Amino acid sequence: MLEFLRKLVAGVVEAWRRLTISARVQIALAGLLTLALIAGAVFFGAQPQYARLYDRLDPSESNEIVVWLADSDISYRIRQGGSAIDVPVRDIPQARIGLAALNLPKSQGIAPGFEIFNDRDLMSNRFLQDVDYMRAIQGELQRMLNQFDFVRKSFVFIREAPEQLFVSDQRPSQATVILDTTGLLTDSQVKAVVHTVSSFGGANLSSKNIAVSTSDGTILHSPSEDEFASLANEKLGVQVALERERENKIRKIFDNLGVNAVISVSALMDWTSEERRTLTVTEGTVVSSLISESSTKNIEQPPEGAPGAIANIPSELGRPGGTGIETSDSEILENFDPSETVTSTTTPPGTVQKYLISAFIEGTYTPVVGDDGVETGETAYQALSDDDIDRYRAFILNAVGPAKEPTDIAIYDHPFRLDRITAAQVSLAVPVLWWQIPMLQWGLQFAAMVIALLLIRFLMRRAMVMPAEEEEELVELPEVSAAELRRQEIASEVERLSMEEPEMVAALLRSWIAEED
């Protein structure tokens, strides 16, 4: 290992020695630039990321918030002349919780709430009070919406419809909500916003008359111009949720049983509402009674004697024996307070008329036994029997629940494990391509990495221009003559004397110059 490192360092030094000065300067500048970029990325990455804590603040509230942040050792930045404050992202939850305990901020740039009625004006009239009431409602709604963690700030405007004497003449109120969100909202979050506004926005405001959009113009909820279309969307959502719940319920139980199954549930919904009323009247208590009786009785006994004895009696003597009058009247009149029993039965809309269920269920696998009675290691697929199908059908029927009409259940046998299909079913399976084998895939990936490294090495060598090595030329020297050798010896001797005895050499030169003059 050490030998390899030594050779690697020697190779790098040798490559650096062979580079030209220009190439060395370029590599040094590129290295310094890379180090500077890395240092800058590390430095700026270590810096806290600031985000908006509150904006559109009053100067007094801004000062109180700054004092609290300084006491809590939370760094901050003041923006927009003191009306906005930024803090590190990791400190936003702590700052908001701590400031909320101090009831800060009280306004945060939103409309005032019910505190608008703290200062009463004696000159106020009914119109101004109604206007202030709507302002208070809008301010309170903004505060409620700002409490959601997915809302940075909000704006709510409600156009209240005047109250009418008759319900048929009453027009609905309308509301517009604009949200500055932290990201994309889910359906449940949008429903929470709409429900909050409709619940607190007034008696004549419903979810059908609320428009919700983001600050960038994305429409989250819009009232449908067609009431039928709006109802259709709500009905479709209920039906889809019911079908998904039934499918998940059945699929989960199959998973617990270890059976592979694909379940599809369709529900036919009945959205009509029926109300039946039954009136039963029974005898109640007596509230008044009238009894009237009349009786008259005058009876004379008939005369006794022989027949025809009274035939010649004078008229003034009357009829012997006479006749009697007997009259008897009795009348009873009673007034009752009848007892009425009203039975009202209402069938709500949205009941299930009928379920349509389709199920693809996998059978079982049994080991294949050879002629010698030993398992071969392969498995054979066993399709569902009639008893299995009847058992699964009864199970699905009980799991999905009752409906008005009988449920239609279609069960199909299907093998999901293609690697265990028998030889008779191989023709129906999808063939496995050679490049789909895992070992070959890993080999191809390794080969691609090696080719990429070689290509990078080739490009780097092309970029680094190495200087050409200078070839040493052999120059043939001429042969030196004896005179030339003598001259070289004299010159070397003179040079030695000049180095050892410079004064003697100087005197000799002066004498030569004097002789020439």
Protein backbone atom coordinates (compact mmCIF):
# COMPACT_ATOMS: atom_id res chain seq x y z
CA MET A 1 0.00 0.00 0.00
CA LEU A 2 2.81 2.40 0.90
CA GLU A 3 4.65 1.51 -2.28
CA PHE A 4 1.52 2.27 -4.28
CA LEU A 5 1.12 5.63 -2.58
CA ARG A 6 4.80 6.44 -3.17
CA LYS A 7 4.47 5.64 -6.85
CA LEU A 8 1.26 7.66 -7.06
CA VAL A 9 2.93 10.70 -5.47
CA ALA A 10 5.97 10.26 -7.71
CA GLY A 11 3.75 10.07 -10.75
CA VAL A 12 1.90 13.22 -9.75
CA VAL A 13 5.18 15.07 -9.17
CA GLU A 14 6.55 13.88 -12.48
CA ALA A 15 3.37 14.94 -14.28
CA TRP A 16 3.53 18.34 -12.58
CA ARG A 17 7.19 18.73 -13.59
CA ARG A 18 6.38 18.03 -17.21
CA LEU A 19 3.62 20.66 -17.33
CA THR A 20 4.33 24.03 -18.84
CA ILE A 21 4.18 27.15 -16.73
CA SER A 22 0.88 28.15 -18.35
CA ALA A 23 -0.69 24.79 -17.54
CA ARG A 24 0.56 24.98 -13.96
CA VAL A 25 -0.95 28.44 -13.53
CA GLN A 26 -4.29 27.32 -14.96
CA ILE A 27 -4.44 24.27 -12.67
CA ALA A 28 -3.51 26.38 -9.65
CA LEU A 29 -6.20 28.97 -10.47
CA ALA A 30 -8.79 26.23 -11.01
CA GLY A 31 -7.87 24.66 -7.66
CA LEU A 32 -8.07 27.98 -5.85
CA LEU A 33 -11.43 28.73 -7.49
CA THR A 34 -12.75 25.29 -6.46
CA LEU A 35 -11.58 25.77 -2.89
CA ALA A 36 -13.19 29.20 -2.83
CA LEU A 37 -16.48 27.79 -4.10
CA ILE A 38 -16.42 24.99 -1.52
CA ALA A 39 -15.57 27.43 1.27
CA GLY A 40 -18.35 29.77 0.14
CA ALA A 41 -20.87 26.94 -0.02
CA VAL A 42 -19.88 25.76 3.45
CA PHE A 43 -19.98 29.29 4.83
CA PHE A 44 -23.35 30.21 3.37
CA GLY A 45 -24.75 26.75 4.16
CA ALA A 46 -23.80 27.22 7.79
CA GLN A 47 -25.60 30.55 7.90
CA PRO A 48 -29.20 30.33 9.18
CA GLN A 49 -31.91 30.58 6.57
CA TYR A 50 -34.17 33.50 7.40
CA ALA A 51 -37.90 33.53 6.74
CA ARG A 52 -40.68 35.99 7.38
CA LEU A 53 -41.99 35.87 10.95
CA TYR A 54 -44.53 38.71 10.73
CA ASP A 55 -45.09 41.59 8.35
CA ARG A 56 -47.24 44.72 8.16
CA LEU A 57 -46.67 45.35 11.84
CA ASP A 58 -47.32 48.51 13.78
CA PRO A 59 -44.16 50.30 14.99
CA SER A 60 -45.05 49.79 18.65
CA GLU A 61 -45.65 46.05 18.20
CA SER A 62 -42.49 45.74 16.10
CA ASN A 63 -40.41 47.22 18.94
CA GLU A 64 -41.94 44.84 21.49
CA ILE A 65 -41.28 41.85 19.26
CA VAL A 66 -37.66 42.91 18.69
CA VAL A 67 -37.10 43.27 22.45
CA TRP A 68 -38.53 39.80 23.08
CA LEU A 69 -36.38 38.26 20.32
CA ALA A 70 -33.27 39.89 21.75
CA ASP A 71 -34.06 38.62 25.26
CA SER A 72 -34.66 35.11 23.87
CA ASP A 73 -31.31 35.06 21.97
CA ILE A 74 -33.06 34.70 18.62
CA SER A 75 -31.36 36.50 15.73
CA TYR A 76 -33.59 38.67 13.59
CA ARG A 77 -33.60 41.02 10.64
CA ILE A 78 -35.80 44.06 10.30
CA ARG A 79 -37.28 44.66 6.86
CA GLN A 80 -39.53 47.24 5.21
CA GLY A 81 -38.71 50.01 7.62
CA GLY A 82 -39.55 47.99 10.71
CA SER A 83 -42.94 46.67 9.55
CA ALA A 84 -41.55 43.18 8.78
CA ILE A 85 -39.29 40.90 10.83
CA ASP A 86 -37.34 37.86 9.61
CA VAL A 87 -35.94 35.16 11.88
CA PRO A 88 -34.18 31.82 11.22
CA VAL A 89 -36.51 29.13 9.93
CA ARG A 90 -35.72 26.79 12.83
CA ASP A 91 -36.74 29.49 15.35
CA ILE A 92 -40.11 30.40 13.79
CA PRO A 93 -42.22 27.92 15.86
CA GLN A 94 -40.55 28.96 19.13
CA ALA A 95 -40.93 32.66 18.32
CA ARG A 96 -44.60 32.39 17.40
CA ILE A 97 -45.46 30.35 20.48
CA GLY A 98 -43.60 32.73 22.78
CA LEU A 99 -45.11 35.86 21.21
CA ALA A 100 -48.60 34.34 21.25
CA ALA A 101 -48.27 33.93 25.02
CA LEU A 102 -47.71 37.71 25.20
CA ASN A 103 -50.64 38.35 22.83
CA LEU A 104 -48.26 39.63 20.17
CA PRO A 105 -48.80 40.70 17.52
CA LYS A 106 -52.27 42.04 18.07
CA SER A 107 -52.93 43.13 14.50
CA GLN A 108 -50.25 41.69 12.21
CA GLY A 109 -51.60 43.78 9.39
CA ILE A 110 -55.06 42.20 9.47
CA ALA A 111 -58.40 43.80 9.98
CA PRO A 112 -59.36 44.40 13.64
CA GLY A 113 -61.56 41.84 15.32
CA PHE A 114 -64.23 42.37 17.95
CA GLU A 115 -61.93 44.76 19.80
CA ILE A 116 -63.25 47.35 17.37
CA PHE A 117 -66.24 47.67 19.71
CA ASN A 118 -64.09 48.45 22.74
CA ASP A 119 -64.27 52.15 21.94
CA ARG A 120 -67.90 53.10 21.53
CA ASP A 121 -68.93 56.17 19.64
CA LEU A 122 -72.06 57.92 20.83
CA MET A 123 -72.64 59.35 17.36
CA SER A 124 -72.62 55.90 15.73
CA ASN A 125 -75.72 54.73 13.90
CA ARG A 126 -77.08 51.36 12.87
CA PHE A 127 -75.36 51.44 9.46
CA LEU A 128 -71.93 52.12 10.94
CA GLN A 129 -72.45 49.41 13.54
CA ASP A 130 -73.28 46.89 10.81
CA VAL A 131 -70.17 47.90 8.88
CA ASP A 132 -68.01 47.55 12.00
CA TYR A 133 -69.56 44.17 12.71
CA MET A 134 -68.60 42.87 9.26
CA ARG A 135 -65.09 44.29 9.71
CA ALA A 136 -64.83 42.47 13.03
CA ILE A 137 -66.03 39.21 11.46
CA GLN A 138 -63.46 39.51 8.66
CA GLY A 139 -60.67 40.28 11.13
CA GLU A 140 -61.53 37.32 13.33
CA LEU A 141 -61.67 35.04 10.29
CA GLN A 142 -58.21 36.17 9.21
CA ARG A 143 -56.87 35.40 12.65
CA MET A 144 -58.45 31.95 12.55
CA LEU A 145 -56.99 31.19 9.13
CA ASN A 146 -53.56 32.44 10.16
CA GLN A 147 -53.53 29.83 12.94
CA PHE A 148 -53.23 27.08 10.32
CA ASP A 149 -49.62 26.02 9.90
CA PHE A 150 -49.98 25.96 6.11
CA VAL A 151 -51.12 29.63 5.91
CA ARG A 152 -48.64 32.50 6.18
CA LYS A 153 -51.24 35.23 5.88
CA SER A 154 -54.76 35.59 4.60
CA PHE A 155 -57.31 38.12 3.43
CA VAL A 156 -61.08 37.68 3.78
CA PHE A 157 -63.81 39.82 2.26
CA ILE A 158 -67.51 39.08 2.83
CA ARG A 159 -70.34 40.73 0.93
CA GLU A 160 -73.31 40.29 3.24
CA ALA A 161 -76.73 39.96 1.68
CA PRO A 162 -79.47 42.02 3.38
CA GLU A 163 -82.06 40.13 5.38
CA GLN A 164 -85.42 39.61 3.62
CA LEU A 165 -88.82 39.04 5.13
CA PHE A 166 -89.59 35.98 3.04
CA VAL A 167 -87.21 33.08 2.65
CA SER A 168 -87.91 32.83 -1.06
CA ASP A 169 -86.58 36.39 -1.52
CA GLN A 170 -83.43 35.85 0.54
CA ARG A 171 -80.18 36.01 -1.44
CA PRO A 172 -77.01 34.29 -0.17
CA SER A 173 -73.95 36.15 1.05
CA GLN A 174 -70.64 35.78 -0.81
CA ALA A 175 -67.06 35.55 0.45
CA THR A 176 -63.62 35.75 -1.16
CA VAL A 177 -60.55 34.31 0.57
CA ILE A 178 -56.95 34.86 -0.59
CA LEU A 179 -54.24 32.75 1.07
CA ASP A 180 -50.47 32.99 1.12
CA THR A 181 -49.64 29.32 1.66
CA THR A 182 -46.44 27.45 2.41
CA GLY A 183 -47.05 24.99 -0.43
CA LEU A 184 -49.73 23.02 -2.24
CA LEU A 185 -52.83 22.37 -0.13
CA THR A 186 -54.61 19.05 0.13
CA ASP A 187 -58.36 18.62 -0.24
CA SER A 188 -58.79 18.29 3.52
CA GLN A 189 -56.91 21.56 4.13
CA VAL A 190 -59.06 23.40 1.57
CA LYS A 191 -62.19 21.96 3.19
CA ALA A 192 -60.97 23.17 6.59
CA VAL A 193 -60.61 26.72 5.24
CA VAL A 194 -64.01 26.68 3.55
CA HIS A 195 -65.71 25.21 6.62
CA THR A 196 -64.13 27.84 8.90
CA VAL A 197 -65.33 30.71 6.72
CA SER A 198 -68.83 29.28 6.19
CA SER A 199 -69.29 28.55 9.91
CA PHE A 200 -68.27 31.99 11.15
CA GLY A 201 -69.07 34.18 8.15
CA GLY A 202 -72.77 34.70 8.80
CA ALA A 203 -76.15 32.99 8.60
CA ASN A 204 -76.59 33.42 4.84
CA LEU A 205 -73.10 32.23 3.86
CA SER A 206 -72.58 28.64 2.72
CA SER A 207 -69.71 26.75 1.15
CA LYS A 208 -71.38 27.08 -2.25
CA ASN A 209 -70.75 30.85 -2.20
CA ILE A 210 -67.09 30.93 -1.05
CA ALA A 211 -64.20 31.44 -3.46
CA VAL A 212 -60.72 30.46 -2.19
CA SER A 213 -57.52 31.18 -4.12
CA THR A 214 -53.82 31.61 -3.41
CA SER A 215 -51.84 34.80 -3.76
CA ASP A 216 -50.36 33.56 -7.05
CA GLY A 217 -53.82 33.08 -8.60
CA THR A 218 -54.31 29.34 -8.12
CA ILE A 219 -58.00 28.59 -7.53
CA LEU A 220 -58.52 26.20 -4.62
CA HIS A 221 -62.31 26.33 -4.30
CA SER A 222 -64.81 28.14 -6.47
CA PRO A 223 -68.61 28.25 -6.20
CA SER A 224 -70.26 26.41 -9.03
CA GLU A 225 -72.47 28.52 -11.26
CA ASP A 226 -74.66 25.50 -11.83
CA GLU A 227 -76.20 24.23 -8.59
CA PHE A 228 -76.77 20.84 -10.15
CA ALA A 229 -73.08 20.55 -11.07
CA SER A 230 -72.08 21.46 -7.52
CA LEU A 231 -74.37 18.79 -6.09
CA ALA A 232 -73.08 16.28 -8.62
CA ASN A 233 -69.48 16.89 -7.53
CA GLU A 234 -70.37 16.38 -3.87
CA LYS A 235 -72.30 13.20 -4.67
CA LEU A 236 -69.42 11.85 -6.73
CA GLY A 237 -67.00 12.50 -3.88
CA VAL A 238 -69.23 10.59 -1.44
CA GLN A 239 -69.58 7.67 -3.84
CA VAL A 240 -65.83 7.48 -4.54
CA ALA A 241 -65.03 7.57 -0.82
CA LEU A 242 -67.55 4.79 -0.12
CA GLU A 243 -66.19 2.56 -2.89
CA ARG A 244 -62.57 3.13 -1.79
CA GLU A 245 -63.44 2.32 1.82
CA ARG A 246 -65.12 -0.96 0.86
CA GLU A 247 -62.23 -1.96 -1.41
CA ASN A 248 -59.61 -1.24 1.25
CA LYS A 249 -61.60 -3.14 3.85
CA ILE A 250 -61.85 -6.29 1.74
CA ARG A 251 -58.27 -6.07 0.45
CA LYS A 252 -56.86 -5.69 3.95
CA ILE A 253 -58.61 -8.82 5.15
CA PHE A 254 -57.33 -10.78 2.13
CA ASP A 255 -53.79 -9.56 2.90
CA ASN A 256 -54.12 -10.78 6.47
CA LEU A 257 -55.18 -14.17 5.14
CA GLY A 258 -52.14 -14.28 2.83
CA VAL A 259 -54.26 -14.41 -0.33
CA ASN A 260 -53.38 -12.29 -3.36
CA ALA A 261 -56.49 -10.53 -4.62
CA VAL A 262 -57.47 -7.51 -6.69
CA ILE A 263 -60.81 -6.04 -5.60
CA SER A 264 -62.99 -3.53 -7.46
CA VAL A 265 -66.20 -2.21 -5.87
CA SER A 266 -68.81 -0.09 -7.64
CA ALA A 267 -71.81 1.31 -5.81
CA LEU A 268 -75.11 2.41 -7.32
CA MET A 269 -76.34 5.22 -5.09
CA ASP A 270 -79.93 6.34 -4.56
CA TRP A 271 -79.97 10.09 -3.95
CA THR A 272 -83.75 10.44 -3.59
CA SER A 273 -85.23 11.25 -0.21
CA GLU A 274 -88.58 9.78 0.84
CA GLU A 275 -90.72 10.85 3.82
CA ARG A 276 -93.73 8.88 5.09
CA ARG A 277 -96.17 10.14 7.69
CA THR A 278 -98.79 7.97 9.45
CA LEU A 279 -101.62 9.54 11.52
CA THR A 280 -103.37 7.36 14.14
CA VAL A 281 -106.41 8.78 16.03
CA THR A 282 -107.62 7.02 19.20
CA GLU A 283 -110.34 7.76 21.76
CA GLY A 284 -109.13 10.23 24.31
CA THR A 285 -110.51 11.53 27.61
CA VAL A 286 -114.01 12.97 28.22
CA VAL A 287 -113.90 16.74 28.44
CA SER A 288 -117.72 17.37 28.84
CA SER A 289 -121.00 15.38 29.12
CA LEU A 290 -124.74 16.19 28.90
CA ILE A 291 -127.45 13.87 30.33
CA SER A 292 -131.16 14.58 29.55
CA GLU A 293 -133.98 12.27 30.88
CA SER A 294 -137.84 12.55 30.41
CA SER A 295 -140.45 10.05 31.81
CA THR A 296 -144.36 10.16 31.69
CA LYS A 297 -146.58 7.38 33.00
CA ASN A 298 -150.53 7.21 33.13
CA ILE A 299 -152.01 3.73 33.06
CA GLU A 300 -155.74 2.65 33.47
CA GLN A 301 -156.77 -0.91 33.90
CA PRO A 302 -159.31 -2.34 31.37
CA PRO A 303 -162.93 -3.00 32.72
CA GLU A 304 -164.00 -6.42 33.82
CA GLY A 305 -167.28 -8.17 32.88
CA ALA A 306 -169.06 -10.00 30.15
CA PRO A 307 -168.09 -9.23 26.64
CA GLY A 308 -170.08 -6.38 25.16
CA ALA A 309 -170.90 -4.92 28.58
CA ILE A 310 -169.46 -1.57 27.71
CA ALA A 311 -171.02 -1.31 24.33
CA ASN A 312 -173.95 0.94 25.51
CA ILE A 313 -172.25 3.05 28.23
CA PRO A 314 -172.99 6.75 27.89
CA SER A 315 -170.19 8.86 26.60
CA GLU A 316 -170.10 11.22 29.61
CA LEU A 317 -169.31 8.39 31.91
CA GLY A 318 -166.07 7.74 30.07
CA ARG A 319 -164.67 4.47 29.10
CA PRO A 320 -164.73 2.06 31.95
CA GLY A 321 -161.14 0.86 32.68
CA GLY A 322 -159.43 3.62 30.41
CA THR A 323 -156.01 3.46 28.67
CA GLY A 324 -152.55 4.46 30.12
CA ILE A 325 -149.74 6.62 28.57
CA GLU A 326 -146.08 5.67 29.46
CA THR A 327 -143.25 7.81 28.02
CA SER A 328 -139.53 7.51 28.98
CA ASP A 329 -136.69 9.48 27.27
CA SER A 330 -132.96 9.29 28.18
CA GLU A 331 -130.14 11.21 26.31
CA ILE A 332 -126.42 11.21 27.11
CA LEU A 333 -124.02 13.52 25.16
CA GLU A 334 -120.26 13.27 25.84
CA ASN A 335 -117.41 15.27 24.22
CA PHE A 336 -113.98 13.56 23.90
CA ASP A 337 -110.50 15.01 23.28
CA PRO A 338 -109.09 12.58 20.65
CA SER A 339 -105.47 11.38 20.92
CA GLU A 340 -103.44 11.66 17.70
CA THR A 341 -100.16 9.83 17.00
CA VAL A 342 -98.10 11.01 14.00
CA THR A 343 -95.31 8.69 12.83
CA SER A 344 -92.84 10.23 10.38
CA THR A 345 -90.30 8.04 8.56
CA THR A 346 -87.67 9.77 6.41
CA THR A 347 -85.30 7.90 4.14
CA PRO A 348 -82.14 9.99 3.78
CA PRO A 349 -80.47 10.43 0.38
CA GLY A 350 -77.29 8.63 -0.46
CA THR A 351 -78.34 5.09 0.34
CA VAL A 352 -76.73 2.23 -1.56
CA GLN A 353 -79.05 0.78 -4.14
CA LYS A 354 -76.74 -2.01 -5.27
CA TYR A 355 -73.09 -3.14 -5.11
CA LEU A 356 -71.19 -4.45 -8.11
CA ILE A 357 -68.01 -6.28 -7.07
CA SER A 358 -65.30 -7.87 -9.20
CA ALA A 359 -62.49 -9.88 -7.61
CA PHE A 360 -59.41 -11.53 -9.11
CA ILE A 361 -58.23 -14.08 -6.54
CA GLU A 362 -55.18 -16.32 -6.68
CA GLY A 363 -55.39 -20.00 -5.94
CA THR A 364 -52.82 -22.17 -4.19
CA TYR A 365 -49.51 -23.71 -5.22
CA THR A 366 -48.56 -27.31 -4.52
CA PRO A 367 -45.12 -28.91 -4.90
CA VAL A 368 -44.59 -31.14 -7.92
CA VAL A 369 -43.68 -34.73 -7.08
CA GLY A 370 -41.71 -36.79 -9.61
CA ASP A 371 -42.23 -40.38 -10.60
CA ASP A 372 -39.87 -41.49 -7.88
CA GLY A 373 -42.00 -39.79 -5.23
CA VAL A 374 -39.44 -37.02 -4.56
CA GLU A 375 -40.31 -33.34 -4.87
CA THR A 376 -38.70 -31.74 -7.89
CA GLY A 377 -38.55 -28.25 -6.35
CA GLU A 378 -41.16 -26.90 -8.74
CA THR A 379 -44.72 -25.93 -7.89
CA ALA A 380 -47.99 -26.42 -9.72
CA TYR A 381 -50.83 -23.92 -9.63
CA GLN A 382 -54.16 -25.13 -8.23
CA ALA A 383 -57.14 -23.14 -9.42
CA LEU A 384 -59.95 -22.13 -7.10
CA SER A 385 -62.54 -24.77 -6.48
CA ASP A 386 -66.27 -24.16 -6.41
CA ASP A 387 -66.23 -24.34 -2.62
CA ASP A 388 -63.48 -21.72 -2.48
CA ILE A 389 -65.43 -19.42 -4.78
CA ASP A 390 -68.61 -19.82 -2.72
CA ARG A 391 -66.69 -19.16 0.50
CA TYR A 392 -65.03 -16.02 -0.90
CA ARG A 393 -68.35 -14.79 -2.28
CA ALA A 394 -70.04 -15.15 1.11
CA PHE A 395 -67.11 -13.43 2.80
CA ILE A 396 -67.19 -10.46 0.39
CA LEU A 397 -70.95 -10.17 0.70
CA ASN A 398 -70.76 -9.97 4.49
CA ALA A 399 -67.82 -7.56 4.40
CA VAL A 400 -69.37 -5.07 1.99
CA GLY A 401 -72.68 -4.83 3.85
CA PRO A 402 -76.34 -4.88 2.81
CA ALA A 403 -78.00 -2.87 0.04
CA LYS A 404 -81.53 -2.42 -1.24
CA GLU A 405 -80.96 -4.90 -4.06
CA PRO A 406 -78.89 -8.10 -4.06
CA THR A 407 -75.17 -7.58 -4.56
CA ASP A 408 -73.56 -8.86 -7.77
CA ILE A 409 -70.19 -10.51 -7.10
CA ALA A 410 -67.98 -11.80 -9.91
CA ILE A 411 -64.95 -13.86 -8.82
CA TYR A 412 -62.20 -14.80 -11.28
CA ASP A 413 -59.32 -17.16 -10.75
CA HIS A 414 -55.95 -15.62 -11.64
CA PRO A 415 -52.32 -16.68 -10.88
CA PHE A 416 -50.19 -13.70 -9.85
CA ARG A 417 -46.83 -15.46 -9.34
CA LEU A 418 -45.55 -15.83 -12.88
CA ASP A 419 -42.32 -17.51 -11.69
CA ARG A 420 -44.36 -20.47 -10.41
CA ILE A 421 -46.58 -21.03 -13.41
CA THR A 422 -46.61 -24.59 -14.63
CA ALA A 423 -45.22 -25.64 -17.98
CA ALA A 424 -48.70 -25.65 -19.48
CA GLN A 425 -49.10 -21.98 -18.62
CA VAL A 426 -45.64 -20.76 -19.65
CA SER A 427 -46.94 -19.81 -23.08
CA LEU A 428 -49.34 -17.38 -21.43
CA ALA A 429 -46.59 -15.69 -19.41
CA VAL A 430 -44.58 -12.73 -20.57
CA PRO A 431 -41.05 -13.87 -21.61
CA VAL A 432 -38.19 -12.54 -19.49
CA LEU A 433 -35.68 -10.65 -21.64
CA TRP A 434 -31.97 -11.26 -21.10
CA TRP A 435 -31.31 -7.69 -20.03
CA GLN A 436 -33.89 -7.99 -17.27
CA ILE A 437 -31.78 -10.53 -15.34
CA PRO A 438 -30.44 -8.86 -12.14
CA MET A 439 -26.84 -10.12 -12.51
CA LEU A 440 -26.64 -8.87 -16.06
CA GLN A 441 -28.08 -5.54 -15.02
CA TRP A 442 -25.38 -5.13 -12.37
CA GLY A 443 -22.70 -6.09 -14.91
CA LEU A 444 -23.99 -3.54 -17.41
CA GLN A 445 -23.99 -0.84 -14.74
CA PHE A 446 -20.39 -1.64 -13.76
CA ALA A 447 -19.28 -1.61 -17.41
CA ALA A 448 -20.99 1.74 -17.92
CA MET A 449 -19.15 3.18 -14.89
CA VAL A 450 -15.78 1.92 -16.18
CA ILE A 451 -16.40 3.37 -19.64
CA ALA A 452 -17.40 6.71 -18.07
CA LEU A 453 -14.18 6.81 -15.99
CA LEU A 454 -12.02 6.00 -19.03
CA LEU A 455 -13.77 8.70 -21.03
CA ILE A 456 -13.18 11.26 -18.28
CA ARG A 457 -9.51 10.25 -18.07
CA PHE A 458 -9.13 10.61 -21.84
CA LEU A 459 -10.71 14.07 -21.81
CA MET A 460 -8.50 15.20 -18.92
CA ARG A 461 -5.38 14.04 -20.73
CA ARG A 462 -6.49 15.94 -23.82
CA ALA A 463 -7.02 19.04 -21.69
CA MET A 464 -3.59 18.81 -20.06
CA VAL A 465 -1.11 19.48 -22.91
CA MET A 466 2.22 17.91 -21.97
CA PRO A 467 5.39 19.57 -23.31
CA ALA A 468 7.36 17.59 -25.85
CA GLU A 469 10.59 16.13 -24.54
CA GLU A 470 13.70 17.75 -26.03
CA GLU A 471 15.91 15.27 -27.75
CA GLU A 472 19.60 15.70 -27.12
CA GLU A 473 21.55 16.11 -30.33
CA LEU A 474 24.95 14.47 -30.53
CA VAL A 475 27.51 16.84 -32.02
CA GLU A 476 30.70 15.38 -33.28
CA LEU A 477 33.68 17.40 -31.97
CA PRO A 478 36.73 17.88 -34.28
CA GLU A 479 40.05 16.40 -33.26
CA VAL A 480 42.27 18.81 -31.27
CA SER A 481 45.79 19.47 -32.63
CA ALA A 482 48.96 19.62 -30.50
CA ALA A 483 49.24 23.41 -30.91
CA GLU A 484 45.65 23.82 -29.77
CA LEU A 485 46.29 21.66 -26.77
CA ARG A 486 49.38 23.73 -25.93
CA ARG A 487 47.35 26.91 -26.21
CA GLN A 488 44.65 25.54 -23.91
CA GLU A 489 47.28 24.56 -21.32
CA ILE A 490 48.84 28.03 -21.42
CA ALA A 491 45.38 29.64 -21.07
CA SER A 492 44.51 27.49 -18.07
CA GLU A 493 47.87 28.25 -16.48
CA VAL A 494 47.34 31.98 -17.01
CA GLU A 495 43.91 31.72 -15.50
CA ARG A 496 45.34 29.91 -12.47
CA LEU A 497 48.05 32.54 -11.99
CA SER A 498 45.55 35.36 -12.28
CA MET A 499 43.50 33.77 -9.55
CA GLU A 500 46.44 32.98 -7.24
CA GLU A 501 48.89 35.86 -7.99
CA PRO A 502 46.82 38.74 -9.29
CA GLU A 503 49.48 41.39 -8.43
CA MET A 504 52.18 39.64 -10.40
CA VAL A 505 49.90 39.26 -13.39
CA ALA A 506 48.97 42.97 -13.19
CA ALA A 507 52.68 44.00 -13.09
CA LEU A 508 53.43 41.80 -16.08
CA LEU A 509 50.59 43.39 -18.03
CA ARG A 510 51.81 46.91 -17.21
CA SER A 511 55.31 46.05 -18.42
CA TRP A 512 53.90 44.72 -21.70
CA ILE A 513 51.92 47.89 -22.23
CA ALA A 514 54.99 50.05 -21.52
CA GLU A 515 57.09 48.12 -24.04
CA GLU A 516 54.47 48.61 -26.74
CA ASP A 517 54.37 52.39 -26.11
